[in-house]
Amino acid sequence: MNLVYFIGAGPGDADLLTLKGARLLRQCRTVFAPTPFEVTFAEHLVAKKVLIPFDYFFTELLELLDQELRHGEVAFLVPGDLTFYSPFQALIDALGTRAAVVPGVGTANAASAWLKKTLDLPGVCNRALIVSPRTLGDAADAPTLAQLAAPGVAMLIYMNNIPLPQLCGQLRQGYGGAVPIAILHRLGLPGETVVTGDLDDIVAKVGDRDFFNLDGPVKRPALTLIIVGETLTATVDGSWWDWRREHLWRFRENGEGE
């Protein structure tokens, strides 16, 4: 039975494709690649039938998949991967045993690497939250960003649809001050831009750049991630490492403390 592979494609940088993802992609005859992945993954798509999934309504897409599966295996290049805010869950559910999911390097992982920062840092940030204002707005009783933001929280914001000045105002209410913020736009893609600052100065630093695609006529995802939290500017010494070496790692080496 031919399968449809939903392959995590990270933020769109072909160098971040996993070895398993690349192997499965090679054996697929048809590939659904969201723009601009048909360009950034071009070397992996030679001689393949390449389609844009968002050009089809759901029923049309299922009918097309039935046709393509008669001739060979099919792949979807999934932005980030399936883990967060993925529109592909309905397809996977409809396909059932004909679907296989391959994890990839999510955008959050790529952003953390770009910034060279861990998001849960002892003594600085004790939890990381991944949220989208779009999904928070789906329910009247959902918490607001201001309620979720707090000292010690590293917050990753996907699919923002709130103007930046208003967003910063909500976050400042929760954090109680001007904590660091990073706006990461089109990571791994042409036009990659990263702007860092704090909740007081980031609006001025961004200026009139529409990183969230709020003003343009086309409302497709803007491929922008926001990270907020004290960990972005924190520095640490080796004391935490040495504590773990003494109290955790050493016992494992000696077979103690199991």
C-alpha atoms as a PDB file:
ATOM      1  CA  MET A   1       0.000   0.000   0.000  1.00  0.00           C
ATOM      2  CA  ASN A   2       1.361   3.378  -0.981  1.00  0.00           C
ATOM      3  CA  LEU A   3       1.540   5.946   1.807  1.00  0.00           C
ATOM      4  CA  VAL A   4       1.283   9.691   2.217  1.00  0.00           C
ATOM      5  CA  TYR A   5       4.256  10.966   4.237  1.00  0.00           C
ATOM      6  CA  PHE A   6       3.881  14.187   6.214  1.00  0.00           C
ATOM      7  CA  ILE A   7       7.514  15.203   6.502  1.00  0.00           C
ATOM      8  CA  GLY A   8       8.571  17.895   8.957  1.00  0.00           C
ATOM      9  CA  ALA A   9      10.406  20.479   6.868  1.00  0.00           C
ATOM     10  CA  GLY A  10      11.484  22.884   9.574  1.00  0.00           C
ATOM     11  CA  PRO A  11      11.234  26.585   8.805  1.00  0.00           C
ATOM     12  CA  GLY A  12      11.987  25.855   5.156  1.00  0.00           C
ATOM     13  CA  ASP A  13      15.755  25.438   5.099  1.00  0.00           C
ATOM     14  CA  ALA A  14      16.499  22.230   3.187  1.00  0.00           C
ATOM     15  CA  ASP A  15      19.664  21.723   5.257  1.00  0.00           C
ATOM     16  CA  LEU A  16      17.438  21.062   8.288  1.00  0.00           C
ATOM     17  CA  LEU A  17      15.630  18.134   6.656  1.00  0.00           C
ATOM     18  CA  THR A  18      16.255  14.944   8.635  1.00  0.00           C
ATOM     19  CA  LEU A  19      17.987  11.968   7.050  1.00  0.00           C
ATOM     20  CA  LYS A  20      14.771   9.949   7.332  1.00  0.00           C
ATOM     21  CA  GLY A  21      12.753  12.755   5.776  1.00  0.00           C
ATOM     22  CA  ALA A  22      15.179  13.038   2.863  1.00  0.00           C
ATOM     23  CA  ARG A  23      15.140   9.274   2.290  1.00  0.00           C
ATOM     24  CA  LEU A  24      11.350   9.077   2.210  1.00  0.00           C
ATOM     25  CA  LEU A  25      11.100  12.191   0.057  1.00  0.00           C
ATOM     26  CA  ARG A  26      13.331  10.557  -2.563  1.00  0.00           C
ATOM     27  CA  GLN A  27      10.939   7.640  -2.990  1.00  0.00           C
ATOM     28  CA  CYS A  28       7.825   9.808  -3.454  1.00  0.00           C
ATOM     29  CA  ARG A  29       6.482  10.520  -6.918  1.00  0.00           C
ATOM     30  CA  THR A  30       4.292  13.497  -5.932  1.00  0.00           C
ATOM     31  CA  VAL A  31       5.137  16.189  -3.384  1.00  0.00           C
ATOM     32  CA  PHE A  32       2.892  18.861  -1.906  1.00  0.00           C
ATOM     33  CA  ALA A  33       5.110  21.815  -1.026  1.00  0.00           C
ATOM     34  CA  PRO A  34       3.797  25.075   0.451  1.00  0.00           C
ATOM     35  CA  THR A  35       5.305  28.192  -1.087  1.00  0.00           C
ATOM     36  CA  PRO A  36       8.255  28.910  -0.978  1.00  0.00           C
ATOM     37  CA  PHE A  37       9.316  25.323  -0.176  1.00  0.00           C
ATOM     38  CA  GLU A  38       9.120  24.399  -3.851  1.00  0.00           C
ATOM     39  CA  VAL A  39      12.088  26.769  -4.262  1.00  0.00           C
ATOM     40  CA  THR A  40      14.109  26.075  -1.096  1.00  0.00           C
ATOM     41  CA  PHE A  41      13.755  22.284  -1.495  1.00  0.00           C
ATOM     42  CA  ALA A  42      14.237  22.369  -5.274  1.00  0.00           C
ATOM     43  CA  GLU A  43      17.210  19.982  -5.253  1.00  0.00           C
ATOM     44  CA  HIS A  44      15.024  17.351  -3.547  1.00  0.00           C
ATOM     45  CA  LEU A  45      12.135  17.839  -5.988  1.00  0.00           C
ATOM     46  CA  VAL A  46      13.812  17.216  -9.336  1.00  0.00           C
ATOM     47  CA  ALA A  47      11.639  15.094 -11.667  1.00  0.00           C
ATOM     48  CA  LYS A  48       8.783  15.019  -9.154  1.00  0.00           C
ATOM     49  CA  LYS A  49       5.239  16.290  -9.545  1.00  0.00           C
ATOM     50  CA  VAL A  50       5.091  19.321  -7.240  1.00  0.00           C
ATOM     51  CA  LEU A  51       1.776  20.776  -6.070  1.00  0.00           C
ATOM     52  CA  ILE A  52       0.794  23.487  -3.583  1.00  0.00           C
ATOM     53  CA  PRO A  53      -1.603  21.993  -1.006  1.00  0.00           C
ATOM     54  CA  PHE A  54      -3.356  25.247  -0.184  1.00  0.00           C
ATOM     55  CA  ASP A  55      -4.622  25.569  -3.760  1.00  0.00           C
ATOM     56  CA  TYR A  56      -7.281  22.925  -3.029  1.00  0.00           C
ATOM     57  CA  PHE A  57     -10.352  22.600  -0.868  1.00  0.00           C
ATOM     58  CA  PHE A  58     -10.260  19.688   1.554  1.00  0.00           C
ATOM     59  CA  THR A  59     -12.481  17.309  -0.444  1.00  0.00           C
ATOM     60  CA  GLU A  60     -10.634  18.128  -3.665  1.00  0.00           C
ATOM     61  CA  LEU A  61      -7.340  17.378  -1.949  1.00  0.00           C
ATOM     62  CA  LEU A  62      -8.540  13.984  -0.694  1.00  0.00           C
ATOM     63  CA  GLU A  63      -9.757  13.059  -4.188  1.00  0.00           C
ATOM     64  CA  LEU A  64      -6.429  14.127  -5.670  1.00  0.00           C
ATOM     65  CA  LEU A  65      -4.533  12.067  -3.101  1.00  0.00           C
ATOM     66  CA  ASP A  66      -6.592   8.997  -4.011  1.00  0.00           C
ATOM     67  CA  GLN A  67      -5.544   9.464  -7.629  1.00  0.00           C
ATOM     68  CA  GLU A  68      -1.878  10.076  -6.888  1.00  0.00           C
ATOM     69  CA  LEU A  69      -1.601   7.096  -4.527  1.00  0.00           C
ATOM     70  CA  ARG A  70      -2.537   4.770  -7.395  1.00  0.00           C
ATOM     71  CA  HIS A  71       0.735   5.722  -9.094  1.00  0.00           C
ATOM     72  CA  GLY A  72       3.141   5.944  -6.161  1.00  0.00           C
ATOM     73  CA  GLU A  73       3.853   7.377  -2.756  1.00  0.00           C
ATOM     74  CA  VAL A  74       3.132  10.998  -1.871  1.00  0.00           C
ATOM     75  CA  ALA A  75       4.794  13.483   0.470  1.00  0.00           C
ATOM     76  CA  PHE A  76       3.749  16.710   2.130  1.00  0.00           C
ATOM     77  CA  LEU A  77       6.490  19.066   3.235  1.00  0.00           C
ATOM     78  CA  VAL A  78       5.065  20.276   6.540  1.00  0.00           C
ATOM     79  CA  PRO A  79       6.183  23.736   7.715  1.00  0.00           C
ATOM     80  CA  GLY A  80       7.961  23.206  11.033  1.00  0.00           C
ATOM     81  CA  ASP A  81       6.447  19.832  11.798  1.00  0.00           C
ATOM     82  CA  LEU A  82       3.102  18.484  12.955  1.00  0.00           C
ATOM     83  CA  THR A  83       3.626  19.402  16.611  1.00  0.00           C
ATOM     84  CA  PHE A  84       2.288  22.970  16.752  1.00  0.00           C
ATOM     85  CA  TYR A  85      -0.436  24.797  14.867  1.00  0.00           C
ATOM     86  CA  SER A  86      -0.425  22.445  11.899  1.00  0.00           C
ATOM     87  CA  PRO A  87      -3.323  22.536   9.393  1.00  0.00           C
ATOM     88  CA  PHE A  88      -2.583  18.967   8.256  1.00  0.00           C
ATOM     89  CA  GLN A  89      -4.192  17.082  11.155  1.00  0.00           C
ATOM     90  CA  ALA A  90      -7.537  16.725   9.360  1.00  0.00           C
ATOM     91  CA  LEU A  91      -5.807  15.147   6.357  1.00  0.00           C
ATOM     92  CA  ILE A  92      -3.916  12.713   8.554  1.00  0.00           C
ATOM     93  CA  ASP A  93      -7.117  11.710  10.325  1.00  0.00           C
ATOM     94  CA  ALA A  94      -8.967  11.242   7.037  1.00  0.00           C
ATOM     95  CA  LEU A  95      -6.172   9.143   5.535  1.00  0.00           C
ATOM     96  CA  GLY A  96      -5.888   6.885   8.580  1.00  0.00           C
ATOM     97  CA  THR A  97      -3.436   4.032   8.011  1.00  0.00           C
ATOM     98  CA  ARG A  98      -2.422   5.515   4.662  1.00  0.00           C
ATOM     99  CA  ALA A  99      -0.715   8.424   6.477  1.00  0.00           C
ATOM    100  CA  ALA A 100       2.712   8.416   8.130  1.00  0.00           C
ATOM    101  CA  VAL A 101       4.184  11.346  10.053  1.00  0.00           C
ATOM    102  CA  VAL A 102       7.913  12.086  10.071  1.00  0.00           C
ATOM    103  CA  PRO A 103       9.123  14.570  12.705  1.00  0.00           C
ATOM    104  CA  GLY A 104      11.282  17.457  11.659  1.00  0.00           C
ATOM    105  CA  VAL A 105      13.204  20.380  13.078  1.00  0.00           C
ATOM    106  CA  GLY A 106      10.399  22.619  14.275  1.00  0.00           C
ATOM    107  CA  THR A 107      10.569  26.372  13.875  1.00  0.00           C
ATOM    108  CA  ALA A 108      10.843  26.779  17.639  1.00  0.00           C
ATOM    109  CA  ASN A 109      13.970  24.595  17.602  1.00  0.00           C
ATOM    110  CA  ALA A 110      15.442  26.593  14.725  1.00  0.00           C
ATOM    111  CA  ALA A 111      14.687  29.876  16.507  1.00  0.00           C
ATOM    112  CA  SER A 112      16.302  28.720  19.752  1.00  0.00           C
ATOM    113  CA  ALA A 113      19.383  27.662  17.797  1.00  0.00           C
ATOM    114  CA  TRP A 114      19.564  30.967  15.899  1.00  0.00           C
ATOM    115  CA  LEU A 115      19.397  32.913  19.174  1.00  0.00           C
ATOM    116  CA  LYS A 116      21.746  30.433  20.905  1.00  0.00           C
ATOM    117  CA  LYS A 117      19.426  30.383  23.907  1.00  0.00           C
ATOM    118  CA  THR A 118      17.746  27.620  25.886  1.00  0.00           C
ATOM    119  CA  LEU A 119      14.198  28.569  26.822  1.00  0.00           C
ATOM    120  CA  ASP A 120      13.909  26.881  30.234  1.00  0.00           C
ATOM    121  CA  LEU A 121      16.867  28.210  32.163  1.00  0.00           C
ATOM    122  CA  PRO A 122      17.101  27.469  35.913  1.00  0.00           C
ATOM    123  CA  GLY A 123      16.795  30.593  37.989  1.00  0.00           C
ATOM    124  CA  VAL A 124      15.629  32.612  34.967  1.00  0.00           C
ATOM    125  CA  CYS A 125      12.780  30.948  33.071  1.00  0.00           C
ATOM    126  CA  ASN A 126      11.153  27.925  34.690  1.00  0.00           C
ATOM    127  CA  ARG A 127       8.586  27.181  31.963  1.00  0.00           C
ATOM    128  CA  ALA A 128       8.073  27.728  28.259  1.00  0.00           C
ATOM    129  CA  LEU A 129       4.646  28.278  26.713  1.00  0.00           C
ATOM    130  CA  ILE A 130       3.789  27.931  23.044  1.00  0.00           C
ATOM    131  CA  VAL A 131       0.694  29.897  22.086  1.00  0.00           C
ATOM    132  CA  SER A 132      -1.079  31.540  19.178  1.00  0.00           C
ATOM    133  CA  PRO A 133      -3.351  34.585  19.578  1.00  0.00           C
ATOM    134  CA  ARG A 134      -5.455  33.105  16.774  1.00  0.00           C
ATOM    135  CA  THR A 135      -6.323  29.964  18.701  1.00  0.00           C
ATOM    136  CA  LEU A 136      -6.603  31.804  22.017  1.00  0.00           C
ATOM    137  CA  GLY A 137      -9.278  33.902  20.356  1.00  0.00           C
ATOM    138  CA  ASP A 138     -11.325  30.833  19.400  1.00  0.00           C
ATOM    139  CA  ALA A 139     -12.934  30.546  22.838  1.00  0.00           C
ATOM    140  CA  ALA A 140     -14.461  33.298  24.934  1.00  0.00           C
ATOM    141  CA  ASP A 141     -13.155  31.790  28.183  1.00  0.00           C
ATOM    142  CA  ALA A 142      -9.567  31.268  26.943  1.00  0.00           C
ATOM    143  CA  PRO A 143      -6.800  33.036  28.872  1.00  0.00           C
ATOM    144  CA  THR A 144      -5.362  36.174  27.353  1.00  0.00           C
ATOM    145  CA  LEU A 145      -1.714  36.698  26.542  1.00  0.00           C
ATOM    146  CA  ALA A 146      -1.522  39.087  29.498  1.00  0.00           C
ATOM    147  CA  GLN A 147      -2.731  36.305  31.796  1.00  0.00           C
ATOM    148  CA  LEU A 148      -0.232  33.793  30.417  1.00  0.00           C
ATOM    149  CA  ALA A 149       2.751  36.133  30.474  1.00  0.00           C
ATOM    150  CA  ALA A 150       4.578  36.330  33.804  1.00  0.00           C
ATOM    151  CA  PRO A 151       8.103  36.677  35.157  1.00  0.00           C
ATOM    152  CA  GLY A 152       9.923  33.396  34.595  1.00  0.00           C
ATOM    153  CA  VAL A 153       7.906  32.464  31.503  1.00  0.00           C
ATOM    154  CA  ALA A 154       9.515  32.049  28.095  1.00  0.00           C
ATOM    155  CA  MET A 155       6.708  32.503  25.579  1.00  0.00           C
ATOM    156  CA  LEU A 156       6.795  31.429  21.943  1.00  0.00           C
ATOM    157  CA  ILE A 157       4.082  33.083  19.881  1.00  0.00           C
ATOM    158  CA  TYR A 158       3.045  31.588  16.535  1.00  0.00           C
ATOM    159  CA  MET A 159       0.687  33.044  13.960  1.00  0.00           C
ATOM    160  CA  ASN A 160       0.361  36.435  15.598  1.00  0.00           C
ATOM    161  CA  ASN A 161      -2.593  38.507  14.390  1.00  0.00           C
ATOM    162  CA  ILE A 162      -2.313  41.385  16.871  1.00  0.00           C
ATOM    163  CA  PRO A 163      -0.603  44.669  15.891  1.00  0.00           C
ATOM    164  CA  LEU A 164       2.792  44.837  17.546  1.00  0.00           C
ATOM    165  CA  PRO A 165       2.095  47.866  19.809  1.00  0.00           C
ATOM    166  CA  GLN A 166      -1.040  46.181  21.176  1.00  0.00           C
ATOM    167  CA  LEU A 167       0.761  42.854  21.569  1.00  0.00           C
ATOM    168  CA  CYS A 168       3.604  44.457  23.516  1.00  0.00           C
ATOM    169  CA  GLY A 169       1.089  46.220  25.739  1.00  0.00           C
ATOM    170  CA  GLN A 170      -0.616  42.942  26.624  1.00  0.00           C
ATOM    171  CA  LEU A 171       2.679  41.208  27.316  1.00  0.00           C
ATOM    172  CA  ARG A 172       3.942  44.085  29.443  1.00  0.00           C
ATOM    173  CA  GLN A 173       0.843  43.755  31.644  1.00  0.00           C
ATOM    174  CA  GLY A 174       1.711  40.127  32.376  1.00  0.00           C
ATOM    175  CA  TYR A 175       5.458  40.448  32.679  1.00  0.00           C
ATOM    176  CA  GLY A 176       5.246  43.638  34.688  1.00  0.00           C
ATOM    177  CA  GLY A 177       8.039  45.285  32.728  1.00  0.00           C
ATOM    178  CA  ALA A 178      10.019  45.522  29.523  1.00  0.00           C
ATOM    179  CA  VAL A 179      11.387  41.981  29.205  1.00  0.00           C
ATOM    180  CA  PRO A 180      13.419  40.938  26.150  1.00  0.00           C
ATOM    181  CA  ILE A 181      11.683  40.009  22.900  1.00  0.00           C
ATOM    182  CA  ALA A 182      12.887  38.583  19.579  1.00  0.00           C
ATOM    183  CA  ILE A 183      10.974  38.648  16.292  1.00  0.00           C
ATOM    184  CA  LEU A 184      12.190  35.965  13.881  1.00  0.00           C
ATOM    185  CA  HIS A 185      10.844  36.346  10.349  1.00  0.00           C
ATOM    186  CA  ARG A 186      11.252  33.755   7.569  1.00  0.00           C
ATOM    187  CA  LEU A 187      13.979  31.759   9.327  1.00  0.00           C
ATOM    188  CA  GLY A 188      16.018  29.768   6.820  1.00  0.00           C
ATOM    189  CA  LEU A 189      14.273  31.433   3.874  1.00  0.00           C
ATOM    190  CA  PRO A 190      15.095  34.325   1.547  1.00  0.00           C
ATOM    191  CA  GLY A 191      14.365  37.532   3.414  1.00  0.00           C
ATOM    192  CA  GLU A 192      15.298  36.102   6.817  1.00  0.00           C
ATOM    193  CA  THR A 193      15.175  38.907   9.393  1.00  0.00           C
ATOM    194  CA  VAL A 194      15.637  38.837  13.163  1.00  0.00           C
ATOM    195  CA  VAL A 195      14.928  41.881  15.332  1.00  0.00           C
ATOM    196  CA  THR A 196      15.714  41.829  19.052  1.00  0.00           C
ATOM    197  CA  GLY A 197      14.926  44.320  21.792  1.00  0.00           C
ATOM    198  CA  ASP A 198      12.550  44.633  24.707  1.00  0.00           C
ATOM    199  CA  LEU A 199       8.852  45.333  25.082  1.00  0.00           C
ATOM    200  CA  ASP A 200       9.539  49.072  25.296  1.00  0.00           C
ATOM    201  CA  ASP A 201      11.723  49.535  22.215  1.00  0.00           C
ATOM    202  CA  ILE A 202      10.816  46.714  19.795  1.00  0.00           C
ATOM    203  CA  VAL A 203       8.014  48.690  18.098  1.00  0.00           C
ATOM    204  CA  ALA A 204      10.431  51.462  17.159  1.00  0.00           C
ATOM    205  CA  LYS A 205      13.028  48.933  15.992  1.00  0.00           C
ATOM    206  CA  VAL A 206      10.518  47.160  13.728  1.00  0.00           C
ATOM    207  CA  GLY A 207       9.175  50.423  12.309  1.00  0.00           C
ATOM    208  CA  ASP A 208       6.750  50.029   9.428  1.00  0.00           C
ATOM    209  CA  ARG A 209       7.814  46.476   8.482  1.00  0.00           C
ATOM    210  CA  ASP A 210       4.735  44.236   8.345  1.00  0.00           C
ATOM    211  CA  PHE A 211       6.251  41.059   9.767  1.00  0.00           C
ATOM    212  CA  PHE A 212       2.814  39.614  10.581  1.00  0.00           C
ATOM    213  CA  ASN A 213       1.183  40.234   7.215  1.00  0.00           C
ATOM    214  CA  LEU A 214      -1.596  42.252   8.849  1.00  0.00           C
ATOM    215  CA  ASP A 215      -1.784  45.024   6.238  1.00  0.00           C
ATOM    216  CA  GLY A 216      -1.251  43.141   2.975  1.00  0.00           C
ATOM    217  CA  PRO A 217      -4.071  41.972   0.681  1.00  0.00           C
ATOM    218  CA  VAL A 218      -2.975  38.308   0.933  1.00  0.00           C
ATOM    219  CA  LYS A 219      -3.559  36.837   4.378  1.00  0.00           C
ATOM    220  CA  ARG A 220      -1.334  33.763   4.098  1.00  0.00           C
ATOM    221  CA  PRO A 221       0.822  32.950   7.135  1.00  0.00           C
ATOM    222  CA  ALA A 222       3.623  35.449   7.613  1.00  0.00           C
ATOM    223  CA  LEU A 223       6.174  32.837   8.774  1.00  0.00           C
ATOM    224  CA  THR A 224       7.099  34.906  11.819  1.00  0.00           C
ATOM    225  CA  LEU A 225       7.785  33.626  15.336  1.00  0.00           C
ATOM    226  CA  ILE A 226       8.021  35.743  18.469  1.00  0.00           C
ATOM    227  CA  ILE A 227       9.960  34.710  21.567  1.00  0.00           C
ATOM    228  CA  VAL A 228       9.611  36.684  24.800  1.00  0.00           C
ATOM    229  CA  GLY A 229      11.272  36.157  28.152  1.00  0.00           C
ATOM    230  CA  GLU A 230      14.176  36.949  30.420  1.00  0.00           C
ATOM    231  CA  THR A 231      16.199  34.005  29.091  1.00  0.00           C
ATOM    232  CA  LEU A 232      16.912  35.886  25.859  1.00  0.00           C
ATOM    233  CA  THR A 233      19.461  38.151  27.533  1.00  0.00           C
ATOM    234  CA  ALA A 234      20.440  36.083  30.566  1.00  0.00           C
ATOM    235  CA  THR A 235      23.939  34.700  30.951  1.00  0.00           C
ATOM    236  CA  VAL A 236      24.944  31.876  33.276  1.00  0.00           C
ATOM    237  CA  ASP A 237      28.172  30.617  34.768  1.00  0.00           C
ATOM    238  CA  GLY A 238      29.178  26.986  35.294  1.00  0.00           C
ATOM    239  CA  SER A 239      27.680  26.514  38.763  1.00  0.00           C
ATOM    240  CA  TRP A 240      24.555  24.801  37.474  1.00  0.00           C
ATOM    241  CA  TRP A 241      26.708  22.411  35.416  1.00  0.00           C
ATOM    242  CA  ASP A 242      28.891  21.580  38.416  1.00  0.00           C
ATOM    243  CA  TRP A 243      25.864  21.010  40.683  1.00  0.00           C
ATOM    244  CA  ARG A 244      24.417  18.506  38.219  1.00  0.00           C
ATOM    245  CA  ARG A 245      27.813  16.889  37.794  1.00  0.00           C
ATOM    246  CA  GLU A 246      28.093  16.386  41.554  1.00  0.00           C
ATOM    247  CA  HIS A 247      24.512  15.429  42.391  1.00  0.00           C
ATOM    248  CA  LEU A 248      23.147  13.736  39.248  1.00  0.00           C
ATOM    249  CA  TRP A 249      25.647  12.710  36.595  1.00  0.00           C
ATOM    250  CA  ARG A 250      28.266  11.331  39.019  1.00  0.00           C
ATOM    251  CA  PHE A 251      25.742   8.966  40.616  1.00  0.00           C
ATOM    252  CA  ARG A 252      24.714   7.611  37.252  1.00  0.00           C
ATOM    253  CA  GLU A 253      28.317   6.950  36.323  1.00  0.00           C
ATOM    254  CA  ASN A 254      28.817   5.001  39.552  1.00  0.00           C
ATOM    255  CA  GLY A 255      25.511   3.153  39.286  1.00  0.00           C
ATOM    256  CA  GLU A 256      24.243   4.885  42.411  1.00  0.00           C
ATOM    257  CA  GLY A 257      21.016   6.742  42.997  1.00  0.00           C
ATOM    258  CA  GLU A 258      19.015   4.571  40.593  1.00  0.00           C
END
